[in-house]
Amino acid sequence: MLTSDDGFREVRGTSRDAELWGLPFAEAPFEAGAEVKIVWRMTGDGPLKVSATGPGGKRAKLVWMEEHGGSNWRRPGHEWGTGWVFPTPGCWKVELSRTRGSGHVWLRVA
């Protein structure tokens, strides 16, 4: 996890055709079974699709997702808020894609 010049604790995603950033509203590692809010900023075009896969192929539950009109978090791309429940501890791969642009972030859950 990185800390930006603005003091935000954030994660940078891996992508070849977009820029992807996550802004978690919880300390890492996240607690298994608890809802975690993560705001995403991603370049590209089109609607956002998200999924998260963890140990043994388990899937995290996407509780909610909403498009944001903007905020004071200064990263490129459009912004969405998400609420997740990661059911078990381990490393989780969160994958994000748009019509043009895709990427992923690894998150730790305890």
PDB file of N, CA and C in Angstrom:
ATOM      1  N   MET A   1       0.851  -1.168   0.000  1.00  0.00           N
ATOM      2  CA  MET A   1       0.000   0.000   0.000  1.00  0.00           C
ATOM      3  C   MET A   1       0.898   1.233   0.000  1.00  0.00           C
ATOM      4  N   LEU A   2       0.518   2.227  -0.773  1.00  0.00           N
ATOM      5  CA  LEU A   2       1.274   3.467  -0.913  1.00  0.00           C
ATOM      6  C   LEU A   2       0.544   4.595  -0.205  1.00  0.00           C
ATOM      7  N   THR A   3       1.251   5.646   0.130  1.00  0.00           N
ATOM      8  CA  THR A   3       0.628   6.862   0.647  1.00  0.00           C
ATOM      9  C   THR A   3       0.923   7.978  -0.338  1.00  0.00           C
ATOM     10  N   SER A   4      -0.115   8.630  -0.856  1.00  0.00           N
ATOM     11  CA  SER A   4       0.055   9.684  -1.850  1.00  0.00           C
ATOM     12  C   SER A   4       0.511  10.977  -1.190  1.00  0.00           C
ATOM     13  N   ASP A   5       0.852  11.957  -2.025  1.00  0.00           N
ATOM     14  CA  ASP A   5       1.244  13.275  -1.528  1.00  0.00           C
ATOM     15  C   ASP A   5       0.103  13.941  -0.760  1.00  0.00           C
ATOM     16  N   ASP A   6      -1.146  13.574  -1.085  1.00  0.00           N
ATOM     17  CA  ASP A   6      -2.325  14.130  -0.404  1.00  0.00           C
ATOM     18  C   ASP A   6      -2.613  13.429   0.918  1.00  0.00           C
ATOM     19  N   GLY A   7      -1.830  12.366   1.252  1.00  0.00           N
ATOM     20  CA  GLY A   7      -2.026  11.638   2.489  1.00  0.00           C
ATOM     21  C   GLY A   7      -2.968  10.467   2.387  1.00  0.00           C
ATOM     22  N   PHE A   8      -3.461  10.154   1.169  1.00  0.00           N
ATOM     23  CA  PHE A   8      -4.355   9.013   0.981  1.00  0.00           C
ATOM     24  C   PHE A   8      -3.548   7.716   0.967  1.00  0.00           C
ATOM     25  N   ARG A   9      -4.070   6.670   1.614  1.00  0.00           N
ATOM     26  CA  ARG A   9      -3.472   5.326   1.543  1.00  0.00           C
ATOM     27  C   ARG A   9      -4.109   4.639   0.349  1.00  0.00           C
ATOM     28  N   GLU A  10      -3.296   4.276  -0.638  1.00  0.00           N
ATOM     29  CA  GLU A  10      -3.845   3.770  -1.884  1.00  0.00           C
ATOM     30  C   GLU A  10      -3.029   2.608  -2.419  1.00  0.00           C
ATOM     31  N   VAL A  11      -3.615   1.893  -3.373  1.00  0.00           N
ATOM     32  CA  VAL A  11      -2.935   0.800  -4.064  1.00  0.00           C
ATOM     33  C   VAL A  11      -2.929   1.126  -5.549  1.00  0.00           C
ATOM     34  N   ARG A  12      -1.839   0.749  -6.212  1.00  0.00           N
ATOM     35  CA  ARG A  12      -1.747   0.948  -7.656  1.00  0.00           C
ATOM     36  C   ARG A  12      -1.957  -0.391  -8.337  1.00  0.00           C
ATOM     37  N   GLY A  13      -2.845  -0.404  -9.325  1.00  0.00           N
ATOM     38  CA  GLY A  13      -3.142  -1.623 -10.045  1.00  0.00           C
ATOM     39  C   GLY A  13      -2.139  -1.902 -11.148  1.00  0.00           C
ATOM     40  N   THR A  14      -2.187  -3.114 -11.653  1.00  0.00           N
ATOM     41  CA  THR A  14      -1.362  -3.548 -12.766  1.00  0.00           C
ATOM     42  C   THR A  14      -2.229  -3.590 -14.016  1.00  0.00           C
ATOM     43  N   SER A  15      -1.747  -2.955 -15.085  1.00  0.00           N
ATOM     44  CA  SER A  15      -2.494  -2.909 -16.329  1.00  0.00           C
ATOM     45  C   SER A  15      -1.552  -2.544 -17.465  1.00  0.00           C
ATOM     46  N   ARG A  16      -1.881  -3.022 -18.670  1.00  0.00           N
ATOM     47  CA  ARG A  16      -1.103  -2.634 -19.844  1.00  0.00           C
ATOM     48  C   ARG A  16      -1.793  -1.540 -20.637  1.00  0.00           C
ATOM     49  N   ASP A  17      -3.104  -1.397 -20.493  1.00  0.00           N
ATOM     50  CA  ASP A  17      -3.843  -0.471 -21.352  1.00  0.00           C
ATOM     51  C   ASP A  17      -4.698   0.532 -20.581  1.00  0.00           C
ATOM     52  N   ALA A  18      -4.412   0.710 -19.300  1.00  0.00           N
ATOM     53  CA  ALA A  18      -5.163   1.669 -18.478  1.00  0.00           C
ATOM     54  C   ALA A  18      -4.321   2.028 -17.257  1.00  0.00           C
ATOM     55  N   GLU A  19      -4.750   3.060 -16.556  1.00  0.00           N
ATOM     56  CA  GLU A  19      -4.158   3.374 -15.253  1.00  0.00           C
ATOM     57  C   GLU A  19      -5.218   3.067 -14.212  1.00  0.00           C
ATOM     58  N   LEU A  20      -4.831   2.366 -13.143  1.00  0.00           N
ATOM     59  CA  LEU A  20      -5.779   1.874 -12.144  1.00  0.00           C
ATOM     60  C   LEU A  20      -5.254   2.151 -10.749  1.00  0.00           C
ATOM     61  N   TRP A  21      -6.117   2.761  -9.924  1.00  0.00           N
ATOM     62  CA  TRP A  21      -5.789   3.060  -8.529  1.00  0.00           C
ATOM     63  C   TRP A  21      -6.961   2.678  -7.637  1.00  0.00           C
ATOM     64  N   GLY A  22      -6.650   2.197  -6.435  1.00  0.00           N
ATOM     65  CA  GLY A  22      -7.662   1.881  -5.437  1.00  0.00           C
ATOM     66  C   GLY A  22      -7.404   2.659  -4.160  1.00  0.00           C
ATOM     67  N   LEU A  23      -8.481   3.109  -3.541  1.00  0.00           N
ATOM     68  CA  LEU A  23      -8.413   3.865  -2.290  1.00  0.00           C
ATOM     69  C   LEU A  23      -9.231   3.122  -1.238  1.00  0.00           C
ATOM     70  N   PRO A  24      -8.582   2.239  -0.444  1.00  0.00           N
ATOM     71  CA  PRO A  24      -9.306   1.476   0.578  1.00  0.00           C
ATOM     72  C   PRO A  24      -9.660   2.341   1.787  1.00  0.00           C
ATOM     73  N   PHE A  25     -10.839   2.122   2.349  1.00  0.00           N
ATOM     74  CA  PHE A  25     -11.270   2.826   3.551  1.00  0.00           C
ATOM     75  C   PHE A  25     -11.203   1.886   4.746  1.00  0.00           C
ATOM     76  N   ALA A  26     -10.108   1.120   4.824  1.00  0.00           N
ATOM     77  CA  ALA A  26      -9.845   0.205   5.938  1.00  0.00           C
ATOM     78  C   ALA A  26      -8.354  -0.081   5.944  1.00  0.00           C
ATOM     79  N   GLU A  27      -7.843  -0.449   7.098  1.00  0.00           N
ATOM     80  CA  GLU A  27      -6.444  -0.818   7.213  1.00  0.00           C
ATOM     81  C   GLU A  27      -6.207  -2.183   6.584  1.00  0.00           C
ATOM     82  N   ALA A  28      -5.085  -2.334   5.932  1.00  0.00           N
ATOM     83  CA  ALA A  28      -4.706  -3.647   5.377  1.00  0.00           C
ATOM     84  C   ALA A  28      -3.835  -4.369   6.395  1.00  0.00           C
ATOM     85  N   PRO A  29      -3.949  -5.683   6.509  1.00  0.00           N
ATOM     86  CA  PRO A  29      -4.866  -6.525   5.752  1.00  0.00           C
ATOM     87  C   PRO A  29      -6.307  -6.339   6.221  1.00  0.00           C
ATOM     88  N   PHE A  30      -7.238  -6.516   5.295  1.00  0.00           N
ATOM     89  CA  PHE A  30      -8.658  -6.378   5.607  1.00  0.00           C
ATOM     90  C   PHE A  30      -9.125  -7.565   6.429  1.00  0.00           C
ATOM     91  N   GLU A  31     -10.193  -7.375   7.174  1.00  0.00           N
ATOM     92  CA  GLU A  31     -10.735  -8.437   8.014  1.00  0.00           C
ATOM     93  C   GLU A  31     -11.713  -9.295   7.215  1.00  0.00           C
ATOM     94  N   ALA A  32     -11.490 -10.607   7.201  1.00  0.00           N
ATOM     95  CA  ALA A  32     -12.389 -11.529   6.505  1.00  0.00           C
ATOM     96  C   ALA A  32     -13.792 -11.420   7.092  1.00  0.00           C
ATOM     97  N   GLY A  33     -14.794 -11.375   6.221  1.00  0.00           N
ATOM     98  CA  GLY A  33     -16.184 -11.326   6.649  1.00  0.00           C
ATOM     99  C   GLY A  33     -16.728  -9.941   6.914  1.00  0.00           C
ATOM    100  N   ALA A  34     -15.868  -8.927   6.967  1.00  0.00           N
ATOM    101  CA  ALA A  34     -16.313  -7.552   7.217  1.00  0.00           C
ATOM    102  C   ALA A  34     -16.423  -6.802   5.885  1.00  0.00           C
ATOM    103  N   GLU A  35     -17.379  -5.896   5.798  1.00  0.00           N
ATOM    104  CA  GLU A  35     -17.513  -5.102   4.572  1.00  0.00           C
ATOM    105  C   GLU A  35     -16.399  -4.064   4.499  1.00  0.00           C
ATOM    106  N   VAL A  36     -15.788  -3.956   3.323  1.00  0.00           N
ATOM    107  CA  VAL A  36     -14.698  -3.009   3.070  1.00  0.00           C
ATOM    108  C   VAL A  36     -15.096  -2.101   1.918  1.00  0.00           C
ATOM    109  N   LYS A  37     -14.973  -0.803   2.129  1.00  0.00           N
ATOM    110  CA  LYS A  37     -15.227   0.161   1.062  1.00  0.00           C
ATOM    111  C   LYS A  37     -13.915   0.443   0.345  1.00  0.00           C
ATOM    112  N   ILE A  38     -13.950   0.350  -0.993  1.00  0.00           N
ATOM    113  CA  ILE A  38     -12.790   0.704  -1.811  1.00  0.00           C
ATOM    114  C   ILE A  38     -13.285   1.575  -2.958  1.00  0.00           C
ATOM    115  N   VAL A  39     -12.658   2.735  -3.126  1.00  0.00           N
ATOM    116  CA  VAL A  39     -12.960   3.616  -4.248  1.00  0.00           C
ATOM    117  C   VAL A  39     -11.899   3.356  -5.311  1.00  0.00           C
ATOM    118  N   TRP A  40     -12.337   3.295  -6.568  1.00  0.00           N
ATOM    119  CA  TRP A  40     -11.450   3.009  -7.692  1.00  0.00           C
ATOM    120  C   TRP A  40     -11.422   4.187  -8.642  1.00  0.00           C
ATOM    121  N   ARG A  41     -10.256   4.421  -9.222  1.00  0.00           N
ATOM    122  CA  ARG A  41     -10.119   5.344 -10.349  1.00  0.00           C
ATOM    123  C   ARG A  41      -9.427   4.578 -11.456  1.00  0.00           C
ATOM    124  N   MET A  42     -10.032   4.629 -12.647  1.00  0.00           N
ATOM    125  CA  MET A  42      -9.489   3.883 -13.771  1.00  0.00           C
ATOM    126  C   MET A  42      -9.707   4.649 -15.066  1.00  0.00           C
ATOM    127  N   THR A  43      -8.656   4.713 -15.882  1.00  0.00           N
ATOM    128  CA  THR A  43      -8.780   5.323 -17.198  1.00  0.00           C
ATOM    129  C   THR A  43      -9.406   4.314 -18.161  1.00  0.00           C
ATOM    130  N   GLY A  44      -9.721   4.768 -19.352  1.00  0.00           N
ATOM    131  CA  GLY A  44     -10.334   3.909 -20.358  1.00  0.00           C
ATOM    132  C   GLY A  44     -11.716   4.424 -20.700  1.00  0.00           C
ATOM    133  N   ASP A  45     -12.503   3.563 -21.330  1.00  0.00           N
ATOM    134  CA  ASP A  45     -13.849   3.928 -21.754  1.00  0.00           C
ATOM    135  C   ASP A  45     -14.831   2.829 -21.377  1.00  0.00           C
ATOM    136  N   GLY A  46     -16.068   3.233 -21.131  1.00  0.00           N
ATOM    137  CA  GLY A  46     -17.133   2.276 -20.889  1.00  0.00           C
ATOM    138  C   GLY A  46     -17.396   2.033 -19.421  1.00  0.00           C
ATOM    139  N   PRO A  47     -18.438   1.253 -19.152  1.00  0.00           N
ATOM    140  CA  PRO A  47     -18.811   0.946 -17.765  1.00  0.00           C
ATOM    141  C   PRO A  47     -17.763   0.066 -17.095  1.00  0.00           C
ATOM    142  N   LEU A  48     -17.755   0.072 -15.775  1.00  0.00           N
ATOM    143  CA  LEU A  48     -16.801  -0.721 -15.002  1.00  0.00           C
ATOM    144  C   LEU A  48     -17.426  -2.054 -14.611  1.00  0.00           C
ATOM    145  N   LYS A  49     -16.659  -3.129 -14.780  1.00  0.00           N
ATOM    146  CA  LYS A  49     -17.018  -4.462 -14.288  1.00  0.00           C
ATOM    147  C   LYS A  49     -15.943  -4.875 -13.298  1.00  0.00           C
ATOM    148  N   VAL A  50     -16.362  -5.462 -12.166  1.00  0.00           N
ATOM    149  CA  VAL A  50     -15.417  -5.856 -11.126  1.00  0.00           C
ATOM    150  C   VAL A  50     -15.714  -7.267 -10.635  1.00  0.00           C
ATOM    151  N   SER A  51     -14.664  -7.951 -10.210  1.00  0.00           N
ATOM    152  CA  SER A  51     -14.811  -9.253  -9.565  1.00  0.00           C
ATOM    153  C   SER A  51     -13.579  -9.476  -8.697  1.00  0.00           C
ATOM    154  N   ALA A  52     -13.696 -10.367  -7.723  1.00  0.00           N
ATOM    155  CA  ALA A  52     -12.566 -10.677  -6.846  1.00  0.00           C
ATOM    156  C   ALA A  52     -12.539 -12.173  -6.575  1.00  0.00           C
ATOM    157  N   THR A  53     -11.366 -12.768  -6.781  1.00  0.00           N
ATOM    158  CA  THR A  53     -11.178 -14.197  -6.587  1.00  0.00           C
ATOM    159  C   THR A  53     -10.079 -14.415  -5.558  1.00  0.00           C
ATOM    160  N   GLY A  54     -10.322 -15.346  -4.634  1.00  0.00           N
ATOM    161  CA  GLY A  54      -9.368 -15.606  -3.563  1.00  0.00           C
ATOM    162  C   GLY A  54      -8.929 -17.047  -3.510  1.00  0.00           C
ATOM    163  N   PRO A  55      -8.430 -17.457  -2.347  1.00  0.00           N
ATOM    164  CA  PRO A  55      -7.931 -18.816  -2.171  1.00  0.00           C
ATOM    165  C   PRO A  55      -8.965 -19.869  -2.570  1.00  0.00           C
ATOM    166  N   GLY A  56      -8.498 -20.888  -3.279  1.00  0.00           N
ATOM    167  CA  GLY A  56      -9.384 -21.977  -3.685  1.00  0.00           C
ATOM    168  C   GLY A  56     -10.437 -21.570  -4.691  1.00  0.00           C
ATOM    169  N   GLY A  57     -10.260 -20.417  -5.348  1.00  0.00           N
ATOM    170  CA  GLY A  57     -11.232 -19.966  -6.340  1.00  0.00           C
ATOM    171  C   GLY A  57     -12.478 -19.335  -5.762  1.00  0.00           C
ATOM    172  N   LYS A  58     -12.475 -19.070  -4.436  1.00  0.00           N
ATOM    173  CA  LYS A  58     -13.639 -18.433  -3.811  1.00  0.00           C
ATOM    174  C   LYS A  58     -13.832 -17.034  -4.376  1.00  0.00           C
ATOM    175  N   ARG A  59     -15.085 -16.580  -4.372  1.00  0.00           N
ATOM    176  CA  ARG A  59     -15.424 -15.253  -4.885  1.00  0.00           C
ATOM    177  C   ARG A  59     -15.834 -14.345  -3.736  1.00  0.00           C
ATOM    178  N   ALA A  60     -15.354 -13.103  -3.787  1.00  0.00           N
ATOM    179  CA  ALA A  60     -15.795 -12.100  -2.818  1.00  0.00           C
ATOM    180  C   ALA A  60     -17.177 -11.606  -3.233  1.00  0.00           C
ATOM    181  N   LYS A  61     -17.941 -11.144  -2.259  1.00  0.00           N
ATOM    182  CA  LYS A  61     -19.277 -10.612  -2.536  1.00  0.00           C
ATOM    183  C   LYS A  61     -19.172  -9.110  -2.758  1.00  0.00           C
ATOM    184  N   LEU A  62     -19.617  -8.659  -3.925  1.00  0.00           N
ATOM    185  CA  LEU A  62     -19.730  -7.237  -4.205  1.00  0.00           C
ATOM    186  C   LEU A  62     -21.068  -6.778  -3.636  1.00  0.00           C
ATOM    187  N   VAL A  63     -21.045  -6.054  -2.528  1.00  0.00           N
ATOM    188  CA  VAL A  63     -22.266  -5.648  -1.825  1.00  0.00           C
ATOM    189  C   VAL A  63     -22.937  -4.467  -2.531  1.00  0.00           C
ATOM    190  N   TRP A  64     -22.131  -3.541  -3.006  1.00  0.00           N
ATOM    191  CA  TRP A  64     -22.661  -2.380  -3.709  1.00  0.00           C
ATOM    192  C   TRP A  64     -21.590  -1.780  -4.609  1.00  0.00           C
ATOM    193  N   MET A  65     -22.038  -1.020  -5.606  1.00  0.00           N
ATOM    194  CA  MET A  65     -21.135  -0.292  -6.491  1.00  0.00           C
ATOM    195  C   MET A  65     -21.870   0.945  -6.982  1.00  0.00           C
ATOM    196  N   GLU A  66     -21.180   2.086  -6.954  1.00  0.00           N
ATOM    197  CA  GLU A  66     -21.798   3.320  -7.425  1.00  0.00           C
ATOM    198  C   GLU A  66     -20.771   4.196  -8.136  1.00  0.00           C
ATOM    199  N   GLU A  67     -21.228   4.816  -9.198  1.00  0.00           N
ATOM    200  CA  GLU A  67     -20.402   5.736  -9.950  1.00  0.00           C
ATOM    201  C   GLU A  67     -20.322   7.053  -9.179  1.00  0.00           C
ATOM    202  N   HIS A  68     -19.135   7.645  -9.132  1.00  0.00           N
ATOM    203  CA  HIS A  68     -18.950   8.931  -8.446  1.00  0.00           C
ATOM    204  C   HIS A  68     -18.777  10.035  -9.479  1.00  0.00           C
ATOM    205  N   GLY A  69     -19.291  11.200  -9.164  1.00  0.00           N
ATOM    206  CA  GLY A  69     -19.115  12.352 -10.036  1.00  0.00           C
ATOM    207  C   GLY A  69     -17.753  12.992  -9.877  1.00  0.00           C
ATOM    208  N   GLY A  70     -17.031  12.630  -8.831  1.00  0.00           N
ATOM    209  CA  GLY A  70     -15.715  13.199  -8.567  1.00  0.00           C
ATOM    210  C   GLY A  70     -15.476  13.314  -7.081  1.00  0.00           C
ATOM    211  N   SER A  71     -14.256  13.679  -6.743  1.00  0.00           N
ATOM    212  CA  SER A  71     -13.887  13.838  -5.344  1.00  0.00           C
ATOM    213  C   SER A  71     -12.580  14.627  -5.284  1.00  0.00           C
ATOM    214  N   ASN A  72     -11.998  14.720  -4.091  1.00  0.00           N
ATOM    215  CA  ASN A  72     -10.717  15.420  -3.965  1.00  0.00           C
ATOM    216  C   ASN A  72      -9.525  14.464  -4.064  1.00  0.00           C
ATOM    217  N   TRP A  73      -9.773  13.198  -4.433  1.00  0.00           N
ATOM    218  CA  TRP A  73      -8.701  12.235  -4.651  1.00  0.00           C
ATOM    219  C   TRP A  73      -8.176  12.451  -6.068  1.00  0.00           C
ATOM    220  N   ARG A  74      -6.917  12.772  -6.179  1.00  0.00           N
ATOM    221  CA  ARG A  74      -6.354  13.200  -7.457  1.00  0.00           C
ATOM    222  C   ARG A  74      -5.592  12.084  -8.174  1.00  0.00           C
ATOM    223  N   ARG A  75      -6.327  11.249  -8.863  1.00  0.00           N
ATOM    224  CA  ARG A  75      -5.760  10.211  -9.728  1.00  0.00           C
ATOM    225  C   ARG A  75      -6.542  10.249 -11.037  1.00  0.00           C
ATOM    226  N   PRO A  76      -5.920   9.837 -12.145  1.00  0.00           N
ATOM    227  CA  PRO A  76      -6.613   9.920 -13.437  1.00  0.00           C
ATOM    228  C   PRO A  76      -7.722   8.882 -13.570  1.00  0.00           C
ATOM    229  N   GLY A  77      -8.669   9.200 -14.444  1.00  0.00           N
ATOM    230  CA  GLY A  77      -9.736   8.265 -14.752  1.00  0.00           C
ATOM    231  C   GLY A  77     -11.040   8.598 -14.071  1.00  0.00           C
ATOM    232  N   HIS A  78     -12.021   7.784 -14.370  1.00  0.00           N
ATOM    233  CA  HIS A  78     -13.353   7.917 -13.788  1.00  0.00           C
ATOM    234  C   HIS A  78     -13.364   7.225 -12.424  1.00  0.00           C
ATOM    235  N   GLU A  79     -14.303   7.606 -11.547  1.00  0.00           N
ATOM    236  CA  GLU A  79     -14.299   7.111 -10.165  1.00  0.00           C
ATOM    237  C   GLU A  79     -15.573   6.334  -9.835  1.00  0.00           C
ATOM    238  N   TRP A  80     -15.379   5.200  -9.141  1.00  0.00           N
ATOM    239  CA  TRP A  80     -16.482   4.366  -8.634  1.00  0.00           C
ATOM    240  C   TRP A  80     -16.191   3.985  -7.194  1.00  0.00           C
ATOM    241  N   GLY A  81     -17.234   3.860  -6.396  1.00  0.00           N
ATOM    242  CA  GLY A  81     -17.121   3.315  -5.051  1.00  0.00           C
ATOM    243  C   GLY A  81     -17.655   1.893  -5.035  1.00  0.00           C
ATOM    244  N   THR A  82     -17.023   1.016  -4.235  1.00  0.00           N
ATOM    245  CA  THR A  82     -17.476  -0.363  -4.117  1.00  0.00           C
ATOM    246  C   THR A  82     -17.452  -0.794  -2.657  1.00  0.00           C
ATOM    247  N   GLY A  83     -18.330  -1.720  -2.322  1.00  0.00           N
ATOM    248  CA  GLY A  83     -18.337  -2.356  -1.008  1.00  0.00           C
ATOM    249  C   GLY A  83     -18.162  -3.850  -1.200  1.00  0.00           C
ATOM    250  N   TRP A  84     -17.182  -4.440  -0.525  1.00  0.00           N
ATOM    251  CA  TRP A  84     -16.833  -5.858  -0.686  1.00  0.00           C
ATOM    252  C   TRP A  84     -16.891  -6.592   0.639  1.00  0.00           C
ATOM    253  N   VAL A  85     -17.192  -7.882   0.576  1.00  0.00           N
ATOM    254  CA  VAL A  85     -17.004  -8.789   1.701  1.00  0.00           C
ATOM    255  C   VAL A  85     -16.131  -9.932   1.193  1.00  0.00           C
ATOM    256  N   PHE A  86     -14.927 -10.033   1.751  1.00  0.00           N
ATOM    257  CA  PHE A  86     -14.002 -11.112   1.428  1.00  0.00           C
ATOM    258  C   PHE A  86     -14.211 -12.194   2.482  1.00  0.00           C
ATOM    259  N   PRO A  87     -14.709 -13.377   2.093  1.00  0.00           N
ATOM    260  CA  PRO A  87     -15.163 -14.354   3.082  1.00  0.00           C
ATOM    261  C   PRO A  87     -14.067 -15.082   3.852  1.00  0.00           C
ATOM    262  N   THR A  88     -12.867 -15.177   3.300  1.00  0.00           N
ATOM    263  CA  THR A  88     -11.800 -15.936   3.961  1.00  0.00           C
ATOM    264  C   THR A  88     -10.476 -15.198   3.875  1.00  0.00           C
ATOM    265  N   PRO A  89      -9.558 -15.473   4.805  1.00  0.00           N
ATOM    266  CA  PRO A  89      -8.227 -14.867   4.743  1.00  0.00           C
ATOM    267  C   PRO A  89      -7.451 -15.355   3.524  1.00  0.00           C
ATOM    268  N   GLY A  90      -6.468 -14.567   3.143  1.00  0.00           N
ATOM    269  CA  GLY A  90      -5.586 -14.933   2.037  1.00  0.00           C
ATOM    270  C   GLY A  90      -5.362 -13.767   1.098  1.00  0.00           C
ATOM    271  N   CYS A  91      -4.761 -14.049  -0.045  1.00  0.00           N
ATOM    272  CA  CYS A  91      -4.529 -13.045  -1.081  1.00  0.00           C
ATOM    273  C   CYS A  91      -5.683 -13.088  -2.075  1.00  0.00           C
ATOM    274  N   TRP A  92      -6.236 -11.929  -2.366  1.00  0.00           N
ATOM    275  CA  TRP A  92      -7.385 -11.796  -3.246  1.00  0.00           C
ATOM    276  C   TRP A  92      -7.006 -10.950  -4.458  1.00  0.00           C
ATOM    277  N   LYS A  93      -7.385 -11.431  -5.638  1.00  0.00           N
ATOM    278  CA  LYS A  93      -7.146 -10.696  -6.877  1.00  0.00           C
ATOM    279  C   LYS A  93      -8.445 -10.006  -7.285  1.00  0.00           C
ATOM    280  N   VAL A  94      -8.429  -8.675  -7.262  1.00  0.00           N
ATOM    281  CA  VAL A  94      -9.578  -7.885  -7.703  1.00  0.00           C
ATOM    282  C   VAL A  94      -9.314  -7.475  -9.145  1.00  0.00           C
ATOM    283  N   GLU A  95     -10.220  -7.873 -10.040  1.00  0.00           N
ATOM    284  CA  GLU A  95     -10.067  -7.572 -11.457  1.00  0.00           C
ATOM    285  C   GLU A  95     -11.107  -6.543 -11.872  1.00  0.00           C
ATOM    286  N   LEU A  96     -10.647  -5.532 -12.602  1.00  0.00           N
ATOM    287  CA  LEU A  96     -11.510  -4.453 -13.068  1.00  0.00           C
ATOM    288  C   LEU A  96     -11.350  -4.335 -14.571  1.00  0.00           C
ATOM    289  N   SER A  97     -12.467  -4.141 -15.270  1.00  0.00           N
ATOM    290  CA  SER A  97     -12.389  -3.983 -16.717  1.00  0.00           C
ATOM    291  C   SER A  97     -13.443  -2.998 -17.192  1.00  0.00           C
ATOM    292  N   ARG A  98     -13.099  -2.337 -18.279  1.00  0.00           N
ATOM    293  CA  ARG A  98     -14.009  -1.441 -18.978  1.00  0.00           C
ATOM    294  C   ARG A  98     -14.026  -1.884 -20.436  1.00  0.00           C
ATOM    295  N   THR A  99     -14.846  -1.268 -21.256  1.00  0.00           N
ATOM    296  CA  THR A  99     -14.871  -1.615 -22.672  1.00  0.00           C
ATOM    297  C   THR A  99     -13.469  -1.487 -23.257  1.00  0.00           C
ATOM    298  N   ARG A 100     -12.768  -0.436 -22.893  1.00  0.00           N
ATOM    299  CA  ARG A 100     -11.363  -0.255 -23.255  1.00  0.00           C
ATOM    300  C   ARG A 100     -10.594  -0.035 -21.969  1.00  0.00           C
ATOM    301  N   GLY A 101      -9.799  -1.017 -21.574  1.00  0.00           N
ATOM    302  CA  GLY A 101      -8.995  -0.929 -20.366  1.00  0.00           C
ATOM    303  C   GLY A 101      -9.335  -2.014 -19.363  1.00  0.00           C
ATOM    304  N   SER A 102      -8.300  -2.621 -18.805  1.00  0.00           N
ATOM    305  CA  SER A 102      -8.502  -3.636 -17.762  1.00  0.00           C
ATOM    306  C   SER A 102      -7.264  -3.684 -16.882  1.00  0.00           C
ATOM    307  N   GLY A 103      -7.435  -4.198 -15.679  1.00  0.00           N
ATOM    308  CA  GLY A 103      -6.311  -4.310 -14.763  1.00  0.00           C
ATOM    309  C   GLY A 103      -6.712  -5.090 -13.523  1.00  0.00           C
ATOM    310  N   HIS A 104      -5.755  -5.229 -12.615  1.00  0.00           N
ATOM    311  CA  HIS A 104      -6.042  -5.959 -11.366  1.00  0.00           C
ATOM    312  C   HIS A 104      -5.183  -5.421 -10.228  1.00  0.00           C
ATOM    313  N   VAL A 105      -5.627  -5.757  -9.019  1.00  0.00           N
ATOM    314  CA  VAL A 105      -4.958  -5.385  -7.775  1.00  0.00           C
ATOM    315  C   VAL A 105      -4.991  -6.606  -6.868  1.00  0.00           C
ATOM    316  N   TRP A 106      -3.899  -6.869  -6.162  1.00  0.00           N
ATOM    317  CA  TRP A 106      -3.853  -7.940  -5.151  1.00  0.00           C
ATOM    318  C   TRP A 106      -4.070  -7.309  -3.781  1.00  0.00           C
ATOM    319  N   LEU A 107      -4.964  -7.887  -2.983  1.00  0.00           N
ATOM    320  CA  LEU A 107      -5.255  -7.403  -1.635  1.00  0.00           C
ATOM    321  C   LEU A 107      -5.097  -8.529  -0.624  1.00  0.00           C
ATOM    322  N   ARG A 108      -4.592  -8.195   0.558  1.00  0.00           N
ATOM    323  CA  ARG A 108      -4.460  -9.185   1.628  1.00  0.00           C
ATOM    324  C   ARG A 108      -5.636  -9.094   2.588  1.00  0.00           C
ATOM    325  N   VAL A 109      -6.130 -10.270   2.970  1.00  0.00           N
ATOM    326  CA  VAL A 109      -7.255 -10.369   3.907  1.00  0.00           C
ATOM    327  C   VAL A 109      -6.826 -11.282   5.040  1.00  0.00           C
ATOM    328  N   ALA A 110      -7.052 -10.851   6.292  1.00  0.00           N
ATOM    329  CA  ALA A 110      -6.655 -11.651   7.463  1.00  0.00           C
ATOM    330  C   ALA A 110      -7.867 -12.252   8.125  1.00  0.00           C
TER     331      ALA A 110
END
